Amino acid sequence: MSFFNKLKDRLFKSSSKFDEGLDAIIAEAPAETTGVAPAQPDISAQKPGFLARALGRDTTARVLDDAMLESLEELLIQSDMGVETALKVAAALAEGRFGKKLGAEEIKSLLAAEVAKILAPVARPMPIYPKRPQVVLVVGVNGSGKTTTIGKLASQFKAAGKTVVIAAADTFRAAAVEQLQVWGQRAGVPVMTAPEGSDPASLAYEAFQRAKADGADLLMIDTAGRLQNRADLMEELAKIVRVLRKIDPDAPHNTLLVLDASTGQNAINQVREFTKIANVSGLVMTKLDGTAKGGVLVALADQTGLPIHAIGVGETIDDLAPFDANEFARALTGAGA
């Protein structure tokens, strides 16, 4: 199964919302279009059945008018695209098409095209620099999937011929260290650890020195999950950045923020707060298979402009893939292969 097909299948919660919502919007066309009494749109309704057909409504297409456009905007907002981005996408769809009859499949294709325009500028792989070691600091809130993401990325980089060192700087959670060690063994990548409760910044410093001495291509540093509103924990992260810069003033060369898709619009707040402390350079979105809020990725692209390097839709190494704007847009809207 291609990653697109897997993505579309795993994003069923998002794409099915679009399917149900669009069908309901089209079925609720006003009287002047269908010849029946107007009804308030219910975009959470199921697909129209016998009653709609019996009333003579055209349930396959509808003239794009103000009421329909407002319903489309609401549908996009419900996908967690955010008000500002949803209005932008809907306005772009309506341009040159207002007053014309559109069907569900055509709308999905048009929406996918507009979403892809927003996503395309930020769909970029993590840059690889000639500097060795390239330090990749991975940050995020508790439970976002940082540790698993590091393991998958390290394994993929190793498979691509890069020498990788992992630093388990989440020294307060034994399970995170053990998880990284499993990934390290699987990929043949060394994992540096420290006793539980040790200073994470000290481990990061030692790992940088070792990676430099060994001539490693990449040093990936796991950090403890922290809420962006916890000043003490954010200061701990700032300390890691400071000690890395004692060795190389340009370090970390990449700071990846791992985001859990199910957090919805809160992901934008996380980006802003973590960027203040660690100068986030790129995003990885995980757990897209478990939420109907995939639209937040569009809002992130529109409002932050940060590169989106990869997305995750499962637990295996193949379930973390480079971010493709067109494939994601089509999977999100259910626009087809």
C-alpha atoms as a PDB file:
ATOM      1  CA  MET A   1       0.000   0.000   0.000  1.00  0.00           C
ATOM      2  CA  SER A   2       1.393   3.416  -0.983  1.00  0.00           C
ATOM      3  CA  PHE A   3       1.808   5.981   1.767  1.00  0.00           C
ATOM      4  CA  PHE A   4      -0.916   8.093   0.153  1.00  0.00           C
ATOM      5  CA  ASN A   5      -3.409   5.248   0.263  1.00  0.00           C
ATOM      6  CA  LYS A   6      -2.358   4.482   3.816  1.00  0.00           C
ATOM      7  CA  LEU A   7      -2.658   8.171   4.686  1.00  0.00           C
ATOM      8  CA  LYS A   8      -6.097   8.415   3.139  1.00  0.00           C
ATOM      9  CA  ASP A   9      -7.179   5.283   4.970  1.00  0.00           C
ATOM     10  CA  ARG A  10      -5.757   6.473   8.295  1.00  0.00           C
ATOM     11  CA  LEU A  11      -7.227   9.955   7.849  1.00  0.00           C
ATOM     12  CA  PHE A  12     -10.694   8.461   7.540  1.00  0.00           C
ATOM     13  CA  LYS A  13     -11.934  10.462  10.514  1.00  0.00           C
ATOM     14  CA  SER A  14     -11.053  13.691   8.707  1.00  0.00           C
ATOM     15  CA  SER A  15     -12.074  12.752   5.172  1.00  0.00           C
ATOM     16  CA  SER A  16     -15.342  11.151   6.281  1.00  0.00           C
ATOM     17  CA  LYS A  17     -16.256  14.412   8.030  1.00  0.00           C
ATOM     18  CA  PHE A  18     -15.793  16.190   4.714  1.00  0.00           C
ATOM     19  CA  ASP A  19     -17.852  13.584   2.866  1.00  0.00           C
ATOM     20  CA  GLU A  20     -20.743  13.747   5.321  1.00  0.00           C
ATOM     21  CA  GLY A  21     -20.572  17.520   5.633  1.00  0.00           C
ATOM     22  CA  LEU A  22     -20.471  18.219   1.899  1.00  0.00           C
ATOM     23  CA  ASP A  23     -23.317  15.839   1.149  1.00  0.00           C
ATOM     24  CA  ALA A  24     -25.436  17.518   3.818  1.00  0.00           C
ATOM     25  CA  ILE A  25     -24.585  21.016   2.559  1.00  0.00           C
ATOM     26  CA  ILE A  26     -25.541  20.145  -0.999  1.00  0.00           C
ATOM     27  CA  ALA A  27     -28.759  18.446   0.121  1.00  0.00           C
ATOM     28  CA  GLU A  28     -29.774  21.549   2.077  1.00  0.00           C
ATOM     29  CA  ALA A  29     -29.940  23.826  -0.954  1.00  0.00           C
ATOM     30  CA  PRO A  30     -32.371  26.779  -0.558  1.00  0.00           C
ATOM     31  CA  ALA A  31     -35.856  26.836  -2.078  1.00  0.00           C
ATOM     32  CA  GLU A  32     -34.975  29.105  -4.988  1.00  0.00           C
ATOM     33  CA  THR A  33     -32.533  26.482  -6.223  1.00  0.00           C
ATOM     34  CA  THR A  34     -34.499  23.324  -5.536  1.00  0.00           C
ATOM     35  CA  GLY A  35     -38.122  24.431  -5.356  1.00  0.00           C
ATOM     36  CA  VAL A  36     -38.571  23.267  -1.762  1.00  0.00           C
ATOM     37  CA  ALA A  37     -38.684  25.140   1.508  1.00  0.00           C
ATOM     38  CA  PRO A  38     -35.283  26.273   2.828  1.00  0.00           C
ATOM     39  CA  ALA A  39     -33.759  24.462   5.771  1.00  0.00           C
ATOM     40  CA  GLN A  40     -30.974  25.302   8.130  1.00  0.00           C
ATOM     41  CA  PRO A  41     -27.719  23.532   7.143  1.00  0.00           C
ATOM     42  CA  ASP A  42     -26.725  20.640   9.385  1.00  0.00           C
ATOM     43  CA  ILE A  43     -23.218  19.705   8.331  1.00  0.00           C
ATOM     44  CA  SER A  44     -23.051  16.890  10.837  1.00  0.00           C
ATOM     45  CA  ALA A  45     -25.928  15.090   9.113  1.00  0.00           C
ATOM     46  CA  GLN A  46     -25.527  11.756   7.359  1.00  0.00           C
ATOM     47  CA  LYS A  47     -25.826  11.344   3.589  1.00  0.00           C
ATOM     48  CA  PRO A  48     -29.276  12.311   2.263  1.00  0.00           C
ATOM     49  CA  GLY A  49     -31.632   9.450   1.621  1.00  0.00           C
ATOM     50  CA  PHE A  50     -35.081   8.722   0.261  1.00  0.00           C
ATOM     51  CA  LEU A  51     -36.757  11.817   1.741  1.00  0.00           C
ATOM     52  CA  ALA A  52     -34.423  14.252   0.002  1.00  0.00           C
ATOM     53  CA  ARG A  53     -34.888  12.468  -3.300  1.00  0.00           C
ATOM     54  CA  ALA A  54     -38.671  12.312  -2.841  1.00  0.00           C
ATOM     55  CA  LEU A  55     -38.769  16.090  -2.314  1.00  0.00           C
ATOM     56  CA  GLY A  56     -37.120  16.507  -5.678  1.00  0.00           C
ATOM     57  CA  ARG A  57     -33.814  17.940  -4.473  1.00  0.00           C
ATOM     58  CA  ASP A  58     -30.712  17.603  -6.592  1.00  0.00           C
ATOM     59  CA  THR A  59     -28.511  15.922  -4.007  1.00  0.00           C
ATOM     60  CA  THR A  60     -25.480  15.775  -6.293  1.00  0.00           C
ATOM     61  CA  ALA A  61     -24.866  19.489  -6.864  1.00  0.00           C
ATOM     62  CA  ARG A  62     -25.780  22.922  -5.568  1.00  0.00           C
ATOM     63  CA  VAL A  63     -25.342  26.509  -6.651  1.00  0.00           C
ATOM     64  CA  LEU A  64     -22.541  28.182  -4.696  1.00  0.00           C
ATOM     65  CA  ASP A  65     -24.263  31.048  -2.912  1.00  0.00           C
ATOM     66  CA  ASP A  66     -23.668  32.952   0.330  1.00  0.00           C
ATOM     67  CA  ALA A  67     -25.417  30.320   2.457  1.00  0.00           C
ATOM     68  CA  MET A  68     -23.450  27.468   0.920  1.00  0.00           C
ATOM     69  CA  LEU A  69     -20.182  29.349   1.260  1.00  0.00           C
ATOM     70  CA  GLU A  70     -20.889  29.983   4.946  1.00  0.00           C
ATOM     71  CA  SER A  71     -21.591  26.278   5.458  1.00  0.00           C
ATOM     72  CA  LEU A  72     -18.327  25.367   3.712  1.00  0.00           C
ATOM     73  CA  GLU A  73     -16.465  27.772   5.977  1.00  0.00           C
ATOM     74  CA  GLU A  74     -18.034  26.129   9.014  1.00  0.00           C
ATOM     75  CA  LEU A  75     -17.088  22.698   7.723  1.00  0.00           C
ATOM     76  CA  LEU A  76     -13.453  23.753   7.341  1.00  0.00           C
ATOM     77  CA  ILE A  77     -13.426  25.296  10.817  1.00  0.00           C
ATOM     78  CA  GLN A  78     -14.762  22.045  12.258  1.00  0.00           C
ATOM     79  CA  SER A  79     -11.776  20.240  10.745  1.00  0.00           C
ATOM     80  CA  ASP A  80      -9.600  22.468  12.980  1.00  0.00           C
ATOM     81  CA  MET A  81      -8.343  24.593  10.129  1.00  0.00           C
ATOM     82  CA  GLY A  82      -8.967  27.685  12.231  1.00  0.00           C
ATOM     83  CA  VAL A  83     -11.229  30.621  11.357  1.00  0.00           C
ATOM     84  CA  GLU A  84      -8.648  32.717   9.504  1.00  0.00           C
ATOM     85  CA  THR A  85      -7.352  29.876   7.333  1.00  0.00           C
ATOM     86  CA  ALA A  86     -10.820  28.432   6.719  1.00  0.00           C
ATOM     87  CA  LEU A  87     -12.087  31.782   5.431  1.00  0.00           C
ATOM     88  CA  LYS A  88      -9.055  32.082   3.167  1.00  0.00           C
ATOM     89  CA  VAL A  89      -9.555  28.617   1.669  1.00  0.00           C
ATOM     90  CA  ALA A  90     -13.303  29.118   1.169  1.00  0.00           C
ATOM     91  CA  ALA A  91     -12.784  32.523  -0.455  1.00  0.00           C
ATOM     92  CA  ALA A  92     -10.227  31.083  -2.859  1.00  0.00           C
ATOM     93  CA  LEU A  93     -12.623  28.269  -3.774  1.00  0.00           C
ATOM     94  CA  ALA A  94     -15.433  30.756  -4.445  1.00  0.00           C
ATOM     95  CA  GLU A  95     -13.370  33.038  -6.652  1.00  0.00           C
ATOM     96  CA  GLY A  96     -14.734  32.817 -10.190  1.00  0.00           C
ATOM     97  CA  ARG A  97     -17.208  30.097  -9.185  1.00  0.00           C
ATOM     98  CA  PHE A  98     -19.816  32.031  -7.212  1.00  0.00           C
ATOM     99  CA  GLY A  99     -23.284  31.399  -8.643  1.00  0.00           C
ATOM    100  CA  LYS A 100     -22.226  28.194 -10.366  1.00  0.00           C
ATOM    101  CA  LYS A 101     -23.486  24.732  -9.548  1.00  0.00           C
ATOM    102  CA  LEU A 102     -20.877  22.514  -7.889  1.00  0.00           C
ATOM    103  CA  GLY A 103     -20.974  18.863  -6.898  1.00  0.00           C
ATOM    104  CA  ALA A 104     -19.359  17.232  -3.871  1.00  0.00           C
ATOM    105  CA  GLU A 105     -16.499  15.631  -5.795  1.00  0.00           C
ATOM    106  CA  GLU A 106     -15.710  18.871  -7.587  1.00  0.00           C
ATOM    107  CA  ILE A 107     -15.725  20.772  -4.301  1.00  0.00           C
ATOM    108  CA  LYS A 108     -13.385  18.239  -2.706  1.00  0.00           C
ATOM    109  CA  SER A 109     -10.984  18.538  -5.625  1.00  0.00           C
ATOM    110  CA  LEU A 110     -11.115  22.333  -5.471  1.00  0.00           C
ATOM    111  CA  LEU A 111     -10.581  22.337  -1.712  1.00  0.00           C
ATOM    112  CA  ALA A 112      -7.669  19.945  -2.072  1.00  0.00           C
ATOM    113  CA  ALA A 113      -6.062  22.247  -4.626  1.00  0.00           C
ATOM    114  CA  GLU A 114      -6.437  25.318  -2.400  1.00  0.00           C
ATOM    115  CA  VAL A 115      -5.141  23.461   0.670  1.00  0.00           C
ATOM    116  CA  ALA A 116      -2.157  22.186  -1.323  1.00  0.00           C
ATOM    117  CA  LYS A 117      -1.287  25.775  -2.332  1.00  0.00           C
ATOM    118  CA  ILE A 118      -0.964  26.680   1.345  1.00  0.00           C
ATOM    119  CA  LEU A 119       0.979  23.541   2.238  1.00  0.00           C
ATOM    120  CA  ALA A 120       3.371  23.387  -0.722  1.00  0.00           C
ATOM    121  CA  PRO A 121       5.761  26.155   0.452  1.00  0.00           C
ATOM    122  CA  VAL A 122       6.328  24.431   3.828  1.00  0.00           C
ATOM    123  CA  ALA A 123       6.560  20.801   2.652  1.00  0.00           C
ATOM    124  CA  ARG A 124      10.320  20.405   2.924  1.00  0.00           C
ATOM    125  CA  PRO A 125      12.554  17.630   4.269  1.00  0.00           C
ATOM    126  CA  MET A 126      14.817  18.346   7.209  1.00  0.00           C
ATOM    127  CA  PRO A 127      17.925  19.971   5.716  1.00  0.00           C
ATOM    128  CA  ILE A 128      21.208  18.079   6.000  1.00  0.00           C
ATOM    129  CA  TYR A 129      24.265  20.298   6.404  1.00  0.00           C
ATOM    130  CA  PRO A 130      27.928  19.479   5.751  1.00  0.00           C
ATOM    131  CA  LYS A 131      28.815  20.365   9.355  1.00  0.00           C
ATOM    132  CA  ARG A 132      29.563  17.306  11.482  1.00  0.00           C
ATOM    133  CA  PRO A 133      27.962  16.534  13.759  1.00  0.00           C
ATOM    134  CA  GLN A 134      24.711  18.184  12.844  1.00  0.00           C
ATOM    135  CA  VAL A 135      22.819  18.600  16.106  1.00  0.00           C
ATOM    136  CA  VAL A 136      19.083  17.905  15.963  1.00  0.00           C
ATOM    137  CA  LEU A 137      17.215  18.913  19.123  1.00  0.00           C
ATOM    138  CA  VAL A 138      13.743  17.374  19.405  1.00  0.00           C
ATOM    139  CA  VAL A 139      11.191  19.113  21.623  1.00  0.00           C
ATOM    140  CA  GLY A 140       7.482  18.937  22.395  1.00  0.00           C
ATOM    141  CA  VAL A 141       4.868  18.480  25.085  1.00  0.00           C
ATOM    142  CA  ASN A 142       4.244  15.278  27.010  1.00  0.00           C
ATOM    143  CA  GLY A 143       2.911  12.454  24.893  1.00  0.00           C
ATOM    144  CA  SER A 144       3.455  14.133  21.520  1.00  0.00           C
ATOM    145  CA  GLY A 145       5.544  11.241  20.201  1.00  0.00           C
ATOM    146  CA  LYS A 146       9.047  12.724  20.421  1.00  0.00           C
ATOM    147  CA  THR A 147      10.851   9.543  21.451  1.00  0.00           C
ATOM    148  CA  THR A 148       9.243   7.387  18.787  1.00  0.00           C
ATOM    149  CA  THR A 149       9.865  10.064  16.162  1.00  0.00           C
ATOM    150  CA  ILE A 150      13.563  10.218  17.056  1.00  0.00           C
ATOM    151  CA  GLY A 151      13.837   6.455  16.812  1.00  0.00           C
ATOM    152  CA  LYS A 152      12.191   6.380  13.395  1.00  0.00           C
ATOM    153  CA  LEU A 153      14.233   9.286  12.042  1.00  0.00           C
ATOM    154  CA  ALA A 154      17.487   7.833  13.360  1.00  0.00           C
ATOM    155  CA  SER A 155      16.690   4.501  11.740  1.00  0.00           C
ATOM    156  CA  GLN A 156      15.853   6.182   8.442  1.00  0.00           C
ATOM    157  CA  PHE A 157      19.022   8.310   8.498  1.00  0.00           C
ATOM    158  CA  LYS A 158      21.133   5.250   9.289  1.00  0.00           C
ATOM    159  CA  ALA A 159      19.530   3.374   6.409  1.00  0.00           C
ATOM    160  CA  ALA A 160      20.474   6.323   4.179  1.00  0.00           C
ATOM    161  CA  GLY A 161      24.130   5.905   5.132  1.00  0.00           C
ATOM    162  CA  LYS A 162      24.432   8.526   7.878  1.00  0.00           C
ATOM    163  CA  THR A 163      26.208   7.851  11.154  1.00  0.00           C
ATOM    164  CA  VAL A 164      23.907   8.790  13.994  1.00  0.00           C
ATOM    165  CA  VAL A 165      24.237   9.206  17.749  1.00  0.00           C
ATOM    166  CA  ILE A 166      21.187   9.541  20.012  1.00  0.00           C
ATOM    167  CA  ALA A 167      21.268  11.315  23.366  1.00  0.00           C
ATOM    168  CA  ALA A 168      18.499  10.258  25.773  1.00  0.00           C
ATOM    169  CA  ALA A 169      18.222  13.611  27.546  1.00  0.00           C
ATOM    170  CA  ASP A 170      14.781  12.799  28.932  1.00  0.00           C
ATOM    171  CA  THR A 171      16.565  11.703  32.079  1.00  0.00           C
ATOM    172  CA  PHE A 172      13.434  11.810  34.239  1.00  0.00           C
ATOM    173  CA  ARG A 173      11.496   9.111  32.394  1.00  0.00           C
ATOM    174  CA  ALA A 174      13.065   5.666  32.340  1.00  0.00           C
ATOM    175  CA  ALA A 175      10.564   4.417  29.764  1.00  0.00           C
ATOM    176  CA  ALA A 176      11.724   7.009  27.250  1.00  0.00           C
ATOM    177  CA  VAL A 177      15.346   5.910  27.651  1.00  0.00           C
ATOM    178  CA  GLU A 178      14.416   2.262  27.259  1.00  0.00           C
ATOM    179  CA  GLN A 179      12.354   3.039  24.174  1.00  0.00           C
ATOM    180  CA  LEU A 180      15.270   4.856  22.566  1.00  0.00           C
ATOM    181  CA  GLN A 181      17.622   2.009  23.408  1.00  0.00           C
ATOM    182  CA  VAL A 182      15.303  -0.426  21.635  1.00  0.00           C
ATOM    183  CA  TRP A 183      15.290   1.785  18.551  1.00  0.00           C
ATOM    184  CA  GLY A 184      19.062   2.209  18.781  1.00  0.00           C
ATOM    185  CA  GLN A 185      19.621  -1.540  18.879  1.00  0.00           C
ATOM    186  CA  ARG A 186      17.244  -2.052  15.987  1.00  0.00           C
ATOM    187  CA  ALA A 187      19.019   0.542  13.840  1.00  0.00           C
ATOM    188  CA  GLY A 188      22.572  -0.063  15.061  1.00  0.00           C
ATOM    189  CA  VAL A 189      22.770   3.458  16.480  1.00  0.00           C
ATOM    190  CA  PRO A 190      24.503   4.205  19.813  1.00  0.00           C
ATOM    191  CA  VAL A 191      22.336   5.752  22.521  1.00  0.00           C
ATOM    192  CA  MET A 192      23.965   7.843  25.221  1.00  0.00           C
ATOM    193  CA  THR A 193      22.227   7.762  28.595  1.00  0.00           C
ATOM    194  CA  ALA A 194      22.723   9.131  32.091  1.00  0.00           C
ATOM    195  CA  PRO A 195      21.460   8.020  35.524  1.00  0.00           C
ATOM    196  CA  GLU A 196      17.815   8.803  36.151  1.00  0.00           C
ATOM    197  CA  GLY A 197      17.355  12.363  37.366  1.00  0.00           C
ATOM    198  CA  SER A 198      20.676  13.605  35.955  1.00  0.00           C
ATOM    199  CA  ASP A 199      21.031  17.069  34.460  1.00  0.00           C
ATOM    200  CA  PRO A 200      19.779  16.823  30.858  1.00  0.00           C
ATOM    201  CA  ALA A 201      22.018  19.694  29.758  1.00  0.00           C
ATOM    202  CA  SER A 202      25.118  17.856  30.990  1.00  0.00           C
ATOM    203  CA  LEU A 203      24.190  14.767  28.992  1.00  0.00           C
ATOM    204  CA  ALA A 204      23.534  16.860  25.899  1.00  0.00           C
ATOM    205  CA  TYR A 205      26.964  18.476  26.278  1.00  0.00           C
ATOM    206  CA  GLU A 206      28.731  15.139  26.699  1.00  0.00           C
ATOM    207  CA  ALA A 207      26.861  13.624  23.777  1.00  0.00           C
ATOM    208  CA  PHE A 208      27.858  16.533  21.543  1.00  0.00           C
ATOM    209  CA  GLN A 209      31.499  16.073  22.510  1.00  0.00           C
ATOM    210  CA  ARG A 210      31.345  12.335  21.821  1.00  0.00           C
ATOM    211  CA  ALA A 211      29.571  12.725  18.489  1.00  0.00           C
ATOM    212  CA  LYS A 212      32.161  15.290  17.475  1.00  0.00           C
ATOM    213  CA  ALA A 213      35.053  13.034  18.495  1.00  0.00           C
ATOM    214  CA  ASP A 214      33.522  10.063  16.660  1.00  0.00           C
ATOM    215  CA  GLY A 215      32.922  12.068  13.498  1.00  0.00           C
ATOM    216  CA  ALA A 216      29.192  11.321  13.517  1.00  0.00           C
ATOM    217  CA  ASP A 217      26.999  12.923  10.899  1.00  0.00           C
ATOM    218  CA  LEU A 218      24.034  13.512  13.181  1.00  0.00           C
ATOM    219  CA  LEU A 219      23.415  13.885  16.896  1.00  0.00           C
ATOM    220  CA  MET A 220      19.737  13.571  17.794  1.00  0.00           C
ATOM    221  CA  ILE A 221      18.819  14.781  21.295  1.00  0.00           C
ATOM    222  CA  ASP A 222      15.615  13.669  22.965  1.00  0.00           C
ATOM    223  CA  THR A 223      14.234  16.038  25.598  1.00  0.00           C
ATOM    224  CA  ALA A 224      11.655  15.633  28.314  1.00  0.00           C
ATOM    225  CA  GLY A 225       8.092  16.448  27.410  1.00  0.00           C
ATOM    226  CA  ARG A 226       7.112  19.783  28.848  1.00  0.00           C
ATOM    227  CA  LEU A 227       4.042  21.973  28.785  1.00  0.00           C
ATOM    228  CA  GLN A 228       4.747  25.265  27.071  1.00  0.00           C
ATOM    229  CA  ASN A 229       3.281  27.173  30.039  1.00  0.00           C
ATOM    230  CA  ARG A 230       5.700  25.674  32.602  1.00  0.00           C
ATOM    231  CA  ALA A 231       8.401  28.322  33.000  1.00  0.00           C
ATOM    232  CA  ASP A 232      10.754  26.047  34.982  1.00  0.00           C
ATOM    233  CA  LEU A 233      10.701  23.303  32.373  1.00  0.00           C
ATOM    234  CA  MET A 234      11.106  25.740  29.522  1.00  0.00           C
ATOM    235  CA  GLU A 235      14.142  27.195  31.297  1.00  0.00           C
ATOM    236  CA  GLU A 236      15.597  23.686  31.484  1.00  0.00           C
ATOM    237  CA  LEU A 237      15.236  23.479  27.703  1.00  0.00           C
ATOM    238  CA  ALA A 238      16.882  26.876  27.318  1.00  0.00           C
ATOM    239  CA  LYS A 239      19.814  25.579  29.382  1.00  0.00           C
ATOM    240  CA  ILE A 240      20.301  22.664  26.973  1.00  0.00           C
ATOM    241  CA  VAL A 241      20.481  25.148  24.102  1.00  0.00           C
ATOM    242  CA  ARG A 242      23.019  27.288  25.992  1.00  0.00           C
ATOM    243  CA  VAL A 243      25.405  24.423  26.736  1.00  0.00           C
ATOM    244  CA  LEU A 244      25.268  23.181  23.147  1.00  0.00           C
ATOM    245  CA  ARG A 245      26.269  26.651  21.984  1.00  0.00           C
ATOM    246  CA  LYS A 246      29.368  26.539  24.176  1.00  0.00           C
ATOM    247  CA  ILE A 247      30.668  23.932  21.740  1.00  0.00           C
ATOM    248  CA  ASP A 248      29.174  25.390  18.566  1.00  0.00           C
ATOM    249  CA  PRO A 249      27.472  28.810  18.552  1.00  0.00           C
ATOM    250  CA  ASP A 250      25.244  27.634  15.691  1.00  0.00           C
ATOM    251  CA  ALA A 251      23.917  24.613  17.601  1.00  0.00           C
ATOM    252  CA  PRO A 252      21.362  23.158  17.580  1.00  0.00           C
ATOM    253  CA  HIS A 253      21.382  23.145  13.802  1.00  0.00           C
ATOM    254  CA  ASN A 254      17.817  21.850  13.670  1.00  0.00           C
ATOM    255  CA  THR A 255      15.167  22.111  16.355  1.00  0.00           C
ATOM    256  CA  LEU A 256      12.234  19.855  15.568  1.00  0.00           C
ATOM    257  CA  LEU A 257       8.957  20.400  17.357  1.00  0.00           C
ATOM    258  CA  VAL A 258       6.870  17.222  17.461  1.00  0.00           C
ATOM    259  CA  LEU A 259       3.142  17.925  17.583  1.00  0.00           C
ATOM    260  CA  ASP A 260       0.249  15.609  18.375  1.00  0.00           C
ATOM    261  CA  ALA A 261      -2.466  16.193  15.772  1.00  0.00           C
ATOM    262  CA  SER A 262      -5.222  15.631  18.313  1.00  0.00           C
ATOM    263  CA  THR A 263      -4.285  18.834  20.161  1.00  0.00           C
ATOM    264  CA  GLY A 264      -5.933  20.840  17.388  1.00  0.00           C
ATOM    265  CA  GLN A 265      -5.540  24.618  17.473  1.00  0.00           C
ATOM    266  CA  ASN A 266      -3.433  24.431  20.648  1.00  0.00           C
ATOM    267  CA  ALA A 267      -0.616  23.240  18.379  1.00  0.00           C
ATOM    268  CA  ILE A 268      -0.226  26.823  17.152  1.00  0.00           C
ATOM    269  CA  ASN A 269       0.331  28.065  20.713  1.00  0.00           C
ATOM    270  CA  GLN A 270       2.911  25.319  21.222  1.00  0.00           C
ATOM    271  CA  VAL A 271       4.813  26.444  18.130  1.00  0.00           C
ATOM    272  CA  ARG A 272       4.926  30.036  19.326  1.00  0.00           C
ATOM    273  CA  GLU A 273       6.080  29.223  22.867  1.00  0.00           C
ATOM    274  CA  PHE A 274       8.705  26.652  21.915  1.00  0.00           C
ATOM    275  CA  THR A 275      10.068  28.940  19.205  1.00  0.00           C
ATOM    276  CA  LYS A 276      10.726  31.626  21.832  1.00  0.00           C
ATOM    277  CA  ILE A 277      12.946  29.237  23.788  1.00  0.00           C
ATOM    278  CA  ALA A 278      14.505  26.926  21.232  1.00  0.00           C
ATOM    279  CA  ASN A 279      14.112  28.663  17.861  1.00  0.00           C
ATOM    280  CA  VAL A 280      12.065  25.885  16.260  1.00  0.00           C
ATOM    281  CA  SER A 281      13.209  25.234  12.692  1.00  0.00           C
ATOM    282  CA  GLY A 282      10.758  22.564  11.580  1.00  0.00           C
ATOM    283  CA  LEU A 283       7.710  20.514  12.521  1.00  0.00           C
ATOM    284  CA  VAL A 284       6.758  16.852  12.658  1.00  0.00           C
ATOM    285  CA  MET A 285       3.072  16.013  13.100  1.00  0.00           C
ATOM    286  CA  THR A 286       2.198  12.665  14.678  1.00  0.00           C
ATOM    287  CA  LYS A 287      -0.964  10.677  15.400  1.00  0.00           C
ATOM    288  CA  LEU A 288      -2.885  11.878  12.376  1.00  0.00           C
ATOM    289  CA  ASP A 289      -4.539   8.466  12.276  1.00  0.00           C
ATOM    290  CA  GLY A 290      -6.329   9.058  15.567  1.00  0.00           C
ATOM    291  CA  THR A 291      -8.069  12.377  15.021  1.00  0.00           C
ATOM    292  CA  ALA A 292     -10.520  14.277  12.862  1.00  0.00           C
ATOM    293  CA  LYS A 293      -8.482  17.445  13.403  1.00  0.00           C
ATOM    294  CA  GLY A 294      -6.011  17.072  10.536  1.00  0.00           C
ATOM    295  CA  GLY A 295      -6.881  20.551   9.308  1.00  0.00           C
ATOM    296  CA  VAL A 296      -4.650  22.034  11.995  1.00  0.00           C
ATOM    297  CA  LEU A 297      -1.689  21.228   9.745  1.00  0.00           C
ATOM    298  CA  VAL A 298      -3.096  23.674   7.190  1.00  0.00           C
ATOM    299  CA  ALA A 299      -3.476  26.351   9.870  1.00  0.00           C
ATOM    300  CA  LEU A 300       0.117  25.756  11.010  1.00  0.00           C
ATOM    301  CA  ALA A 301       1.406  26.198   7.472  1.00  0.00           C
ATOM    302  CA  ASP A 302      -0.682  29.312   6.924  1.00  0.00           C
ATOM    303  CA  GLN A 303       0.040  31.022  10.241  1.00  0.00           C
ATOM    304  CA  THR A 304       3.615  29.994  11.098  1.00  0.00           C
ATOM    305  CA  GLY A 305       5.286  29.292   7.759  1.00  0.00           C
ATOM    306  CA  LEU A 306       7.543  26.734   9.450  1.00  0.00           C
ATOM    307  CA  PRO A 307       8.690  23.759   7.361  1.00  0.00           C
ATOM    308  CA  ILE A 308       6.730  20.554   7.902  1.00  0.00           C
ATOM    309  CA  HIS A 309       9.279  17.776   7.518  1.00  0.00           C
ATOM    310  CA  ALA A 310       7.328  14.609   8.218  1.00  0.00           C
ATOM    311  CA  ILE A 311       3.994  13.231   9.354  1.00  0.00           C
ATOM    312  CA  GLY A 312       3.119  10.074  11.260  1.00  0.00           C
ATOM    313  CA  VAL A 313       0.050   7.880  10.875  1.00  0.00           C
ATOM    314  CA  GLY A 314       1.055   4.849  12.921  1.00  0.00           C
ATOM    315  CA  GLU A 315       3.672   3.100  15.031  1.00  0.00           C
ATOM    316  CA  THR A 316       5.985   1.411  12.505  1.00  0.00           C
ATOM    317  CA  ILE A 317       9.010   3.029  10.879  1.00  0.00           C
ATOM    318  CA  ASP A 318       7.181   3.232   7.548  1.00  0.00           C
ATOM    319  CA  ASP A 319       4.377   5.200   9.194  1.00  0.00           C
ATOM    320  CA  LEU A 320       6.611   8.281   9.464  1.00  0.00           C
ATOM    321  CA  ALA A 321       7.048   9.710   5.987  1.00  0.00           C
ATOM    322  CA  PRO A 322       8.189  12.943   4.338  1.00  0.00           C
ATOM    323  CA  PHE A 323       5.390  15.465   4.140  1.00  0.00           C
ATOM    324  CA  ASP A 324       3.812  15.742   0.690  1.00  0.00           C
ATOM    325  CA  ALA A 325       1.448  18.713   0.283  1.00  0.00           C
ATOM    326  CA  ASN A 326      -0.662  17.313  -2.566  1.00  0.00           C
ATOM    327  CA  GLU A 327      -1.081  13.874  -1.060  1.00  0.00           C
ATOM    328  CA  PHE A 328      -2.024  15.248   2.327  1.00  0.00           C
ATOM    329  CA  ALA A 329      -4.510  17.725   0.862  1.00  0.00           C
ATOM    330  CA  ARG A 330      -6.254  15.020  -1.138  1.00  0.00           C
ATOM    331  CA  ALA A 331      -6.313  12.613   1.796  1.00  0.00           C
ATOM    332  CA  LEU A 332      -7.659  15.302   4.153  1.00  0.00           C
ATOM    333  CA  THR A 333     -10.523  16.271   1.865  1.00  0.00           C
ATOM    334  CA  GLY A 334     -11.193  12.782   0.514  1.00  0.00           C
ATOM    335  CA  ALA A 335     -10.519  14.034  -3.007  1.00  0.00           C
ATOM    336  CA  GLY A 336      -9.357  10.632  -4.284  1.00  0.00           C
ATOM    337  CA  ALA A 337      -6.076   9.213  -5.543  1.00  0.00           C
END
